[in-house]
Every structure is written in C-alpha cells, then in structure tokens.
Full PDB file with SEQRES, HELIX, SHEET, SSBOND, CRYST1, ORIGX, SCALE, CONECT and MASTER records, all heavy atoms in Angstrom:
SEQRES   1 A   32  SER ASN PRO GLN LYS VAL PHE GLU THR ILE GLN MET ALA          
SEQRES   2 A   32  ARG ARG LEU ILE PRO GLU GLY THR HIS LEU ARG LEU HIS          
SEQRES   3 A   32  THR HIS GLU THR ALA GLY                                      
HELIX    1 AA1 PRO A    3  LEU A   16  1                                  14    
CRYST1    1.000    1.000    1.000  90.00  90.00  90.00 P 1           1          
ORIGX1      1.000000  0.000000  0.000000        0.00000                         
ORIGX2      0.000000  1.000000  0.000000        0.00000                         
ORIGX3      0.000000  0.000000  1.000000        0.00000                         
SCALE1      1.000000  0.000000  0.000000        0.00000                         
SCALE2      0.000000  1.000000  0.000000        0.00000                         
SCALE3      0.000000  0.000000  1.000000        0.00000                         
ATOM      1  N   SER A   1       2.526  -4.265   9.757  1.00  0.00           N  
ATOM      2  CA  SER A   1       1.265  -4.254   8.956  1.00  0.00           C  
ATOM      3  C   SER A   1       1.062  -5.577   8.366  1.00  0.00           C  
ATOM      4  O   SER A   1       1.837  -6.018   7.616  1.00  0.00           O  
ATOM      5  CB  SER A   1       1.267  -3.074   7.970  1.00  0.00           C  
ATOM      6  OG  SER A   1       1.344  -1.753   8.711  1.00  0.00           O  
ATOM      7  N   ASN A   2      -0.206  -6.126   8.586  1.00  0.00           N  
ATOM      8  CA  ASN A   2      -0.417  -7.502   8.043  1.00  0.00           C  
ATOM      9  C   ASN A   2      -0.710  -7.285   6.529  1.00  0.00           C  
ATOM     10  O   ASN A   2      -1.189  -6.301   6.079  1.00  0.00           O  
ATOM     11  CB  ASN A   2      -1.605  -8.166   8.773  1.00  0.00           C  
ATOM     12  CG  ASN A   2      -2.881  -7.451   8.548  1.00  0.00           C  
ATOM     13  OD1 ASN A   2      -3.641  -7.657   7.587  1.00  0.00           O  
ATOM     14  ND2 ASN A   2      -3.286  -6.615   9.577  1.00  0.00           N  
ATOM     15  N   PRO A   3      -0.410  -8.284   5.710  1.00  0.00           N  
ATOM     16  CA  PRO A   3      -0.457  -8.209   4.243  1.00  0.00           C  
ATOM     17  C   PRO A   3      -1.862  -7.914   3.795  1.00  0.00           C  
ATOM     18  O   PRO A   3      -2.051  -7.148   2.717  1.00  0.00           O  
ATOM     19  CB  PRO A   3      -0.074  -9.651   3.766  1.00  0.00           C  
ATOM     20  CG  PRO A   3       0.927 -10.085   4.823  1.00  0.00           C  
ATOM     21  CD  PRO A   3       0.325  -9.598   6.042  1.00  0.00           C  
ATOM     22  N   GLN A   4      -2.907  -8.428   4.455  1.00  0.00           N  
ATOM     23  CA  GLN A   4      -4.250  -8.054   3.961  1.00  0.00           C  
ATOM     24  C   GLN A   4      -4.634  -6.609   4.141  1.00  0.00           C  
ATOM     25  O   GLN A   4      -5.178  -6.030   3.193  1.00  0.00           O  
ATOM     26  CB  GLN A   4      -5.252  -8.975   4.719  1.00  0.00           C  
ATOM     27  CG  GLN A   4      -6.769  -8.755   4.361  1.00  0.00           C  
ATOM     28  CD  GLN A   4      -6.938  -9.046   2.847  1.00  0.00           C  
ATOM     29  OE1 GLN A   4      -6.297  -9.943   2.234  1.00  0.00           O  
ATOM     30  NE2 GLN A   4      -7.965  -8.360   2.190  1.00  0.00           N  
ATOM     31  N   LYS A   5      -4.154  -6.073   5.270  1.00  0.00           N  
ATOM     32  CA  LYS A   5      -4.345  -4.665   5.463  1.00  0.00           C  
ATOM     33  C   LYS A   5      -3.572  -3.790   4.355  1.00  0.00           C  
ATOM     34  O   LYS A   5      -4.093  -2.741   3.944  1.00  0.00           O  
ATOM     35  CB  LYS A   5      -3.981  -4.199   6.824  1.00  0.00           C  
ATOM     36  CG  LYS A   5      -4.287  -2.648   7.171  1.00  0.00           C  
ATOM     37  CD  LYS A   5      -4.025  -2.286   8.584  1.00  0.00           C  
ATOM     38  CE  LYS A   5      -2.622  -2.122   8.821  1.00  0.00           C  
ATOM     39  NZ  LYS A   5      -2.317  -1.511  10.244  1.00  0.00           N  
ATOM     40  N   VAL A   6      -2.362  -4.194   4.126  1.00  0.00           N  
ATOM     41  CA  VAL A   6      -1.527  -3.568   3.100  1.00  0.00           C  
ATOM     42  C   VAL A   6      -2.296  -3.570   1.762  1.00  0.00           C  
ATOM     43  O   VAL A   6      -2.370  -2.616   1.120  1.00  0.00           O  
ATOM     44  CB  VAL A   6      -0.154  -4.286   2.931  1.00  0.00           C  
ATOM     45  CG1 VAL A   6       0.491  -3.784   1.699  1.00  0.00           C  
ATOM     46  CG2 VAL A   6       0.683  -3.982   4.271  1.00  0.00           C  
ATOM     47  N   PHE A   7      -2.831  -4.786   1.337  1.00  0.00           N  
ATOM     48  CA  PHE A   7      -3.549  -4.961   0.132  1.00  0.00           C  
ATOM     49  C   PHE A   7      -4.721  -3.904   0.046  1.00  0.00           C  
ATOM     50  O   PHE A   7      -4.841  -3.237  -0.934  1.00  0.00           O  
ATOM     51  CB  PHE A   7      -3.979  -6.320  -0.033  1.00  0.00           C  
ATOM     52  CG  PHE A   7      -4.810  -6.574  -1.294  1.00  0.00           C  
ATOM     53  CD1 PHE A   7      -4.274  -6.720  -2.490  1.00  0.00           C  
ATOM     54  CD2 PHE A   7      -6.144  -6.725  -1.249  1.00  0.00           C  
ATOM     55  CE1 PHE A   7      -4.940  -6.922  -3.656  1.00  0.00           C  
ATOM     56  CE2 PHE A   7      -6.973  -6.927  -2.354  1.00  0.00           C  
ATOM     57  CZ  PHE A   7      -6.326  -6.981  -3.585  1.00  0.00           C  
ATOM     58  N   GLU A   8      -5.537  -3.904   1.067  1.00  0.00           N  
ATOM     59  CA  GLU A   8      -6.707  -3.081   1.034  1.00  0.00           C  
ATOM     60  C   GLU A   8      -6.249  -1.580   1.099  1.00  0.00           C  
ATOM     61  O   GLU A   8      -6.989  -0.700   0.451  1.00  0.00           O  
ATOM     62  CB  GLU A   8      -7.482  -3.361   2.277  1.00  0.00           C  
ATOM     63  CG  GLU A   8      -8.204  -4.799   2.205  1.00  0.00           C  
ATOM     64  CD  GLU A   8      -9.013  -5.240   3.399  1.00  0.00           C  
ATOM     65  OE1 GLU A   8      -9.202  -4.270   4.237  1.00  0.00           O  
ATOM     66  OE2 GLU A   8      -9.395  -6.353   3.507  1.00  0.00           O  
ATOM     67  N   THR A   9      -5.182  -1.245   1.703  1.00  0.00           N  
ATOM     68  CA  THR A   9      -4.741   0.147   1.863  1.00  0.00           C  
ATOM     69  C   THR A   9      -4.264   0.697   0.519  1.00  0.00           C  
ATOM     70  O   THR A   9      -4.574   1.743   0.112  1.00  0.00           O  
ATOM     71  CB  THR A   9      -3.659   0.322   2.967  1.00  0.00           C  
ATOM     72  OG1 THR A   9      -4.180  -0.036   4.221  1.00  0.00           O  
ATOM     73  CG2 THR A   9      -3.113   1.745   3.027  1.00  0.00           C  
ATOM     74  N   ILE A  10      -3.424  -0.164  -0.172  1.00  0.00           N  
ATOM     75  CA  ILE A  10      -2.979   0.260  -1.526  1.00  0.00           C  
ATOM     76  C   ILE A  10      -4.070   0.369  -2.482  1.00  0.00           C  
ATOM     77  O   ILE A  10      -4.166   1.243  -3.268  1.00  0.00           O  
ATOM     78  CB  ILE A  10      -1.849  -0.714  -1.999  1.00  0.00           C  
ATOM     79  CG1 ILE A  10      -0.668  -0.682  -1.014  1.00  0.00           C  
ATOM     80  CG2 ILE A  10      -1.423  -0.387  -3.390  1.00  0.00           C  
ATOM     81  CD1 ILE A  10       0.037   0.636  -0.904  1.00  0.00           C  
ATOM     82  N   GLN A  11      -5.118  -0.541  -2.443  1.00  0.00           N  
ATOM     83  CA  GLN A  11      -6.238  -0.524  -3.265  1.00  0.00           C  
ATOM     84  C   GLN A  11      -7.046   0.756  -3.083  1.00  0.00           C  
ATOM     85  O   GLN A  11      -7.473   1.417  -3.953  1.00  0.00           O  
ATOM     86  CB  GLN A  11      -7.174  -1.677  -3.107  1.00  0.00           C  
ATOM     87  CG  GLN A  11      -6.907  -2.894  -3.934  1.00  0.00           C  
ATOM     88  CD  GLN A  11      -8.013  -3.876  -3.865  1.00  0.00           C  
ATOM     89  OE1 GLN A  11      -8.780  -3.996  -2.966  1.00  0.00           O  
ATOM     90  NE2 GLN A  11      -8.112  -4.721  -4.974  1.00  0.00           N  
ATOM     91  N   MET A  12      -7.181   1.128  -1.783  1.00  0.00           N  
ATOM     92  CA  MET A  12      -7.954   2.302  -1.410  1.00  0.00           C  
ATOM     93  C   MET A  12      -7.227   3.578  -1.941  1.00  0.00           C  
ATOM     94  O   MET A  12      -7.800   4.474  -2.513  1.00  0.00           O  
ATOM     95  CB  MET A  12      -8.059   2.419   0.163  1.00  0.00           C  
ATOM     96  CG  MET A  12      -8.477   3.749   0.636  1.00  0.00           C  
ATOM     97  SD  MET A  12      -7.204   4.994   0.934  1.00  0.00           S  
ATOM     98  CE  MET A  12      -6.191   4.243   2.137  1.00  0.00           C  
ATOM     99  N   ALA A  13      -5.934   3.568  -1.750  1.00  0.00           N  
ATOM    100  CA  ALA A  13      -5.109   4.802  -2.276  1.00  0.00           C  
ATOM    101  C   ALA A  13      -5.116   4.900  -3.707  1.00  0.00           C  
ATOM    102  O   ALA A  13      -5.320   5.961  -4.249  1.00  0.00           O  
ATOM    103  CB  ALA A  13      -3.633   4.682  -1.715  1.00  0.00           C  
ATOM    104  N   ARG A  14      -5.120   3.728  -4.521  1.00  0.00           N  
ATOM    105  CA  ARG A  14      -5.063   3.763  -5.900  1.00  0.00           C  
ATOM    106  C   ARG A  14      -6.482   4.346  -6.466  1.00  0.00           C  
ATOM    107  O   ARG A  14      -6.480   5.015  -7.438  1.00  0.00           O  
ATOM    108  CB  ARG A  14      -4.901   2.433  -6.443  1.00  0.00           C  
ATOM    109  CG  ARG A  14      -4.753   2.183  -7.990  1.00  0.00           C  
ATOM    110  CD  ARG A  14      -3.715   3.212  -8.488  1.00  0.00           C  
ATOM    111  NE  ARG A  14      -2.327   2.758  -8.313  1.00  0.00           N  
ATOM    112  CZ  ARG A  14      -1.215   3.489  -8.470  1.00  0.00           C  
ATOM    113  NH1 ARG A  14      -1.410   4.773  -8.777  1.00  0.00           N  
ATOM    114  NH2 ARG A  14      -0.104   3.110  -8.261  1.00  0.00           N  
ATOM    115  N   ARG A  15      -7.482   4.110  -5.677  1.00  0.00           N  
ATOM    116  CA  ARG A  15      -8.834   4.705  -6.065  1.00  0.00           C  
ATOM    117  C   ARG A  15      -8.793   6.180  -5.823  1.00  0.00           C  
ATOM    118  O   ARG A  15      -9.520   6.953  -6.591  1.00  0.00           O  
ATOM    119  CB  ARG A  15      -9.978   3.951  -5.328  1.00  0.00           C  
ATOM    120  CG  ARG A  15     -10.185   2.515  -5.582  1.00  0.00           C  
ATOM    121  CD  ARG A  15     -11.462   1.996  -5.046  1.00  0.00           C  
ATOM    122  NE  ARG A  15     -11.531   2.153  -3.612  1.00  0.00           N  
ATOM    123  CZ  ARG A  15     -11.209   1.224  -2.830  1.00  0.00           C  
ATOM    124  NH1 ARG A  15     -10.828   0.012  -3.298  1.00  0.00           N  
ATOM    125  NH2 ARG A  15     -11.270   1.357  -1.383  1.00  0.00           N  
ATOM    126  N   LEU A  16      -8.168   6.580  -4.772  1.00  0.00           N  
ATOM    127  CA  LEU A  16      -8.308   8.066  -4.353  1.00  0.00           C  
ATOM    128  C   LEU A  16      -7.403   8.982  -5.167  1.00  0.00           C  
ATOM    129  O   LEU A  16      -7.739  10.108  -5.469  1.00  0.00           O  
ATOM    130  CB  LEU A  16      -7.996   8.203  -2.816  1.00  0.00           C  
ATOM    131  CG  LEU A  16      -9.000   7.847  -1.864  1.00  0.00           C  
ATOM    132  CD1 LEU A  16      -8.509   8.186  -0.502  1.00  0.00           C  
ATOM    133  CD2 LEU A  16     -10.377   8.558  -2.189  1.00  0.00           C  
ATOM    134  N   ILE A  17      -6.175   8.604  -5.431  1.00  0.00           N  
ATOM    135  CA  ILE A  17      -5.174   9.486  -5.972  1.00  0.00           C  
ATOM    136  C   ILE A  17      -5.380   9.686  -7.484  1.00  0.00           C  
ATOM    137  O   ILE A  17      -5.838   8.722  -8.122  1.00  0.00           O  
ATOM    138  CB  ILE A  17      -3.701   9.061  -5.687  1.00  0.00           C  
ATOM    139  CG1 ILE A  17      -3.467   7.647  -6.238  1.00  0.00           C  
ATOM    140  CG2 ILE A  17      -3.544   8.976  -4.132  1.00  0.00           C  
ATOM    141  CD1 ILE A  17      -2.073   7.109  -6.004  1.00  0.00           C  
ATOM    142  N   PRO A  18      -4.891  10.672  -8.094  1.00  0.00           N  
ATOM    143  CA  PRO A  18      -5.025  10.884  -9.527  1.00  0.00           C  
ATOM    144  C   PRO A  18      -4.316   9.896 -10.253  1.00  0.00           C  
ATOM    145  O   PRO A  18      -3.216   9.328  -9.824  1.00  0.00           O  
ATOM    146  CB  PRO A  18      -4.352  12.309  -9.679  1.00  0.00           C  
ATOM    147  CG  PRO A  18      -4.410  13.015  -8.383  1.00  0.00           C  
ATOM    148  CD  PRO A  18      -4.278  11.969  -7.389  1.00  0.00           C  
ATOM    149  N   GLU A  19      -4.837   9.508 -11.421  1.00  0.00           N  
ATOM    150  CA  GLU A  19      -4.183   8.522 -12.348  1.00  0.00           C  
ATOM    151  C   GLU A  19      -2.760   8.927 -12.620  1.00  0.00           C  
ATOM    152  O   GLU A  19      -2.441  10.062 -12.927  1.00  0.00           O  
ATOM    153  CB  GLU A  19      -5.028   8.317 -13.546  1.00  0.00           C  
ATOM    154  CG  GLU A  19      -4.496   7.202 -14.445  1.00  0.00           C  
ATOM    155  CD  GLU A  19      -5.438   7.028 -15.623  1.00  0.00           C  
ATOM    156  OE1 GLU A  19      -6.614   7.582 -15.661  1.00  0.00           O  
ATOM    157  OE2 GLU A  19      -5.074   6.209 -16.463  1.00  0.00           O  
ATOM    158  N   GLY A  20      -1.860   7.995 -12.668  1.00  0.00           N  
ATOM    159  CA  GLY A  20      -0.450   8.272 -12.910  1.00  0.00           C  
ATOM    160  C   GLY A  20       0.363   8.625 -11.723  1.00  0.00           C  
ATOM    161  O   GLY A  20       1.625   8.779 -11.873  1.00  0.00           O  
ATOM    162  N   THR A  21      -0.162   8.780 -10.590  1.00  0.00           N  
ATOM    163  CA  THR A  21       0.574   9.134  -9.375  1.00  0.00           C  
ATOM    164  C   THR A  21       1.423   7.998  -8.942  1.00  0.00           C  
ATOM    165  O   THR A  21       0.940   6.871  -8.820  1.00  0.00           O  
ATOM    166  CB  THR A  21      -0.380   9.515  -8.194  1.00  0.00           C  
ATOM    167  OG1 THR A  21      -1.174  10.558  -8.570  1.00  0.00           O  
ATOM    168  CG2 THR A  21       0.459   9.825  -6.966  1.00  0.00           C  
ATOM    169  N   HIS A  22       2.696   8.226  -8.605  1.00  0.00           N  
ATOM    170  CA  HIS A  22       3.583   7.148  -8.293  1.00  0.00           C  
ATOM    171  C   HIS A  22       3.319   6.813  -6.760  1.00  0.00           C  
ATOM    172  O   HIS A  22       3.385   7.643  -5.962  1.00  0.00           O  
ATOM    173  CB  HIS A  22       5.045   7.633  -8.428  1.00  0.00           C  
ATOM    174  CG  HIS A  22       6.041   6.506  -8.159  1.00  0.00           C  
ATOM    175  ND1 HIS A  22       6.432   5.612  -9.174  1.00  0.00           N  
ATOM    176  CD2 HIS A  22       6.733   6.295  -7.024  1.00  0.00           C  
ATOM    177  CE1 HIS A  22       7.269   4.719  -8.575  1.00  0.00           C  
ATOM    178  NE2 HIS A  22       7.530   5.200  -7.350  1.00  0.00           N  
ATOM    179  N   LEU A  23       3.077   5.481  -6.546  1.00  0.00           N  
ATOM    180  CA  LEU A  23       2.695   5.032  -5.284  1.00  0.00           C  
ATOM    181  C   LEU A  23       3.678   3.936  -4.767  1.00  0.00           C  
ATOM    182  O   LEU A  23       3.907   2.917  -5.451  1.00  0.00           O  
ATOM    183  CB  LEU A  23       1.208   4.458  -5.304  1.00  0.00           C  
ATOM    184  CG  LEU A  23       0.567   3.982  -4.025  1.00  0.00           C  
ATOM    185  CD1 LEU A  23       0.462   5.093  -3.043  1.00  0.00           C  
ATOM    186  CD2 LEU A  23      -0.859   3.237  -4.372  1.00  0.00           C  
ATOM    187  N   ARG A  24       4.138   4.077  -3.501  1.00  0.00           N  
ATOM    188  CA  ARG A  24       5.154   3.255  -3.122  1.00  0.00           C  
ATOM    189  C   ARG A  24       4.783   2.517  -1.680  1.00  0.00           C  
ATOM    190  O   ARG A  24       3.922   3.074  -0.919  1.00  0.00           O  
ATOM    191  CB  ARG A  24       6.448   3.903  -2.786  1.00  0.00           C  
ATOM    192  CG  ARG A  24       7.056   4.746  -3.955  1.00  0.00           C  
ATOM    193  CD  ARG A  24       8.450   5.217  -3.727  1.00  0.00           C  
ATOM    194  NE  ARG A  24       9.425   4.014  -3.446  1.00  0.00           N  
ATOM    195  CZ  ARG A  24      10.062   3.469  -4.511  1.00  0.00           C  
ATOM    196  NH1 ARG A  24       9.827   3.801  -5.793  1.00  0.00           N  
ATOM    197  NH2 ARG A  24      10.778   2.381  -4.237  1.00  0.00           N  
ATOM    198  N   LEU A  25       5.450   1.389  -1.437  1.00  0.00           N  
ATOM    199  CA  LEU A  25       5.392   0.907  -0.025  1.00  0.00           C  
ATOM    200  C   LEU A  25       6.766   0.596   0.541  1.00  0.00           C  
ATOM    201  O   LEU A  25       7.607   0.218  -0.214  1.00  0.00           O  
ATOM    202  CB  LEU A  25       4.569  -0.532  -0.171  1.00  0.00           C  
ATOM    203  CG  LEU A  25       4.541  -1.293   1.223  1.00  0.00           C  
ATOM    204  CD1 LEU A  25       3.583  -0.492   2.260  1.00  0.00           C  
ATOM    205  CD2 LEU A  25       4.070  -2.705   1.137  1.00  0.00           C  
ATOM    206  N   HIS A  26       6.918   0.942   1.758  1.00  0.00           N  
ATOM    207  CA  HIS A  26       8.208   0.768   2.484  1.00  0.00           C  
ATOM    208  C   HIS A  26       7.846  -0.145   3.730  1.00  0.00           C  
ATOM    209  O   HIS A  26       6.968   0.229   4.499  1.00  0.00           O  
ATOM    210  CB  HIS A  26       8.837   2.006   2.973  1.00  0.00           C  
ATOM    211  CG  HIS A  26       9.846   1.859   3.930  1.00  0.00           C  
ATOM    212  ND1 HIS A  26      11.181   1.906   3.525  1.00  0.00           N  
ATOM    213  CD2 HIS A  26       9.882   1.699   5.192  1.00  0.00           C  
ATOM    214  CE1 HIS A  26      12.054   1.671   4.542  1.00  0.00           C  
ATOM    215  NE2 HIS A  26      11.299   1.707   5.631  1.00  0.00           N  
ATOM    216  N   THR A  27       8.584  -1.257   3.854  1.00  0.00           N  
ATOM    217  CA  THR A  27       8.394  -2.042   5.029  1.00  0.00           C  
ATOM    218  C   THR A  27       9.681  -2.670   5.490  1.00  0.00           C  
ATOM    219  O   THR A  27      10.744  -2.529   4.890  1.00  0.00           O  
ATOM    220  CB  THR A  27       7.289  -3.082   4.806  1.00  0.00           C  
ATOM    221  OG1 THR A  27       6.939  -3.638   6.146  1.00  0.00           O  
ATOM    222  CG2 THR A  27       7.749  -4.098   3.934  1.00  0.00           C  
ATOM    223  N   HIS A  28       9.685  -3.388   6.596  1.00  0.00           N  
ATOM    224  CA  HIS A  28      10.787  -4.153   7.167  1.00  0.00           C  
ATOM    225  C   HIS A  28      10.546  -5.585   7.379  1.00  0.00           C  
ATOM    226  O   HIS A  28       9.369  -5.991   7.500  1.00  0.00           O  
ATOM    227  CB  HIS A  28      11.277  -3.452   8.495  1.00  0.00           C  
ATOM    228  CG  HIS A  28      11.866  -2.059   8.327  1.00  0.00           C  
ATOM    229  ND1 HIS A  28      13.256  -1.921   8.776  1.00  0.00           N  
ATOM    230  CD2 HIS A  28      11.447  -0.934   7.936  1.00  0.00           C  
ATOM    231  CE1 HIS A  28      13.500  -0.567   8.508  1.00  0.00           C  
ATOM    232  NE2 HIS A  28      12.431  -0.015   8.022  1.00  0.00           N  
ATOM    233  N   GLU A  29      11.524  -6.374   7.466  1.00  0.00           N  
ATOM    234  CA  GLU A  29      11.307  -7.881   7.602  1.00  0.00           C  
ATOM    235  C   GLU A  29      11.139  -8.205   9.111  1.00  0.00           C  
ATOM    236  O   GLU A  29      11.009  -9.396   9.435  1.00  0.00           O  
ATOM    237  CB  GLU A  29      12.540  -8.552   7.006  1.00  0.00           C  
ATOM    238  CG  GLU A  29      12.490 -10.128   7.092  1.00  0.00           C  
ATOM    239  CD  GLU A  29      11.307 -10.806   6.486  1.00  0.00           C  
ATOM    240  OE1 GLU A  29      10.521 -10.129   5.753  1.00  0.00           O  
ATOM    241  OE2 GLU A  29      11.160 -12.056   6.712  1.00  0.00           O  
ATOM    242  N   THR A  30      11.269  -7.149  10.012  1.00  0.00           N  
ATOM    243  CA  THR A  30      11.375  -7.466  11.405  1.00  0.00           C  
ATOM    244  C   THR A  30      10.221  -8.464  12.046  1.00  0.00           C  
ATOM    245  O   THR A  30      10.611  -9.275  12.820  1.00  0.00           O  
ATOM    246  CB  THR A  30      11.045  -6.169  12.200  1.00  0.00           C  
ATOM    247  OG1 THR A  30      11.761  -5.046  11.481  1.00  0.00           O  
ATOM    248  CG2 THR A  30      11.643  -6.115  13.577  1.00  0.00           C  
ATOM    249  N   ALA A  31       9.042  -8.424  11.478  1.00  0.00           N  
ATOM    250  CA  ALA A  31       8.005  -9.274  12.063  1.00  0.00           C  
ATOM    251  C   ALA A  31       7.806 -10.541  11.079  1.00  0.00           C  
ATOM    252  O   ALA A  31       6.930 -11.375  11.298  1.00  0.00           O  
ATOM    253  CB  ALA A  31       6.692  -8.603  12.087  1.00  0.00           C  
ATOM    254  N   GLY A  32       8.631 -10.579   9.998  1.00  0.00           N  
ATOM    255  CA  GLY A  32       8.571 -11.823   9.105  1.00  0.00           C  
ATOM    256  C   GLY A  32       7.562 -11.829   8.024  1.00  0.00           C  
ATOM    257  O   GLY A  32       7.337 -12.804   7.389  1.00  0.00           O  
TER     258      GLY A  32                                                      
MASTER        0    0    0    1    0    0    0    6  257    1    0    3          
END                                                                             
C-alpha cells in the first residue's frame, strides 16, 4: 500500500469510528 493511500485511509477511518477507538496499522518492509 502506497503511503498516500495509507494516509487517506487512516484519515477516513478516524472520521468514521467512534471517538477513542484504538486504531492500528500493520505493514511489512517487503516493498520498501
């Protein structure tokens, strides 16, 4: 996943989910 899509996805999720919800990202270094 490219960083810009990650940024926009987390922003989107933060708007949708209830305040205080723990939000995480998991990724790998495979593509650098």
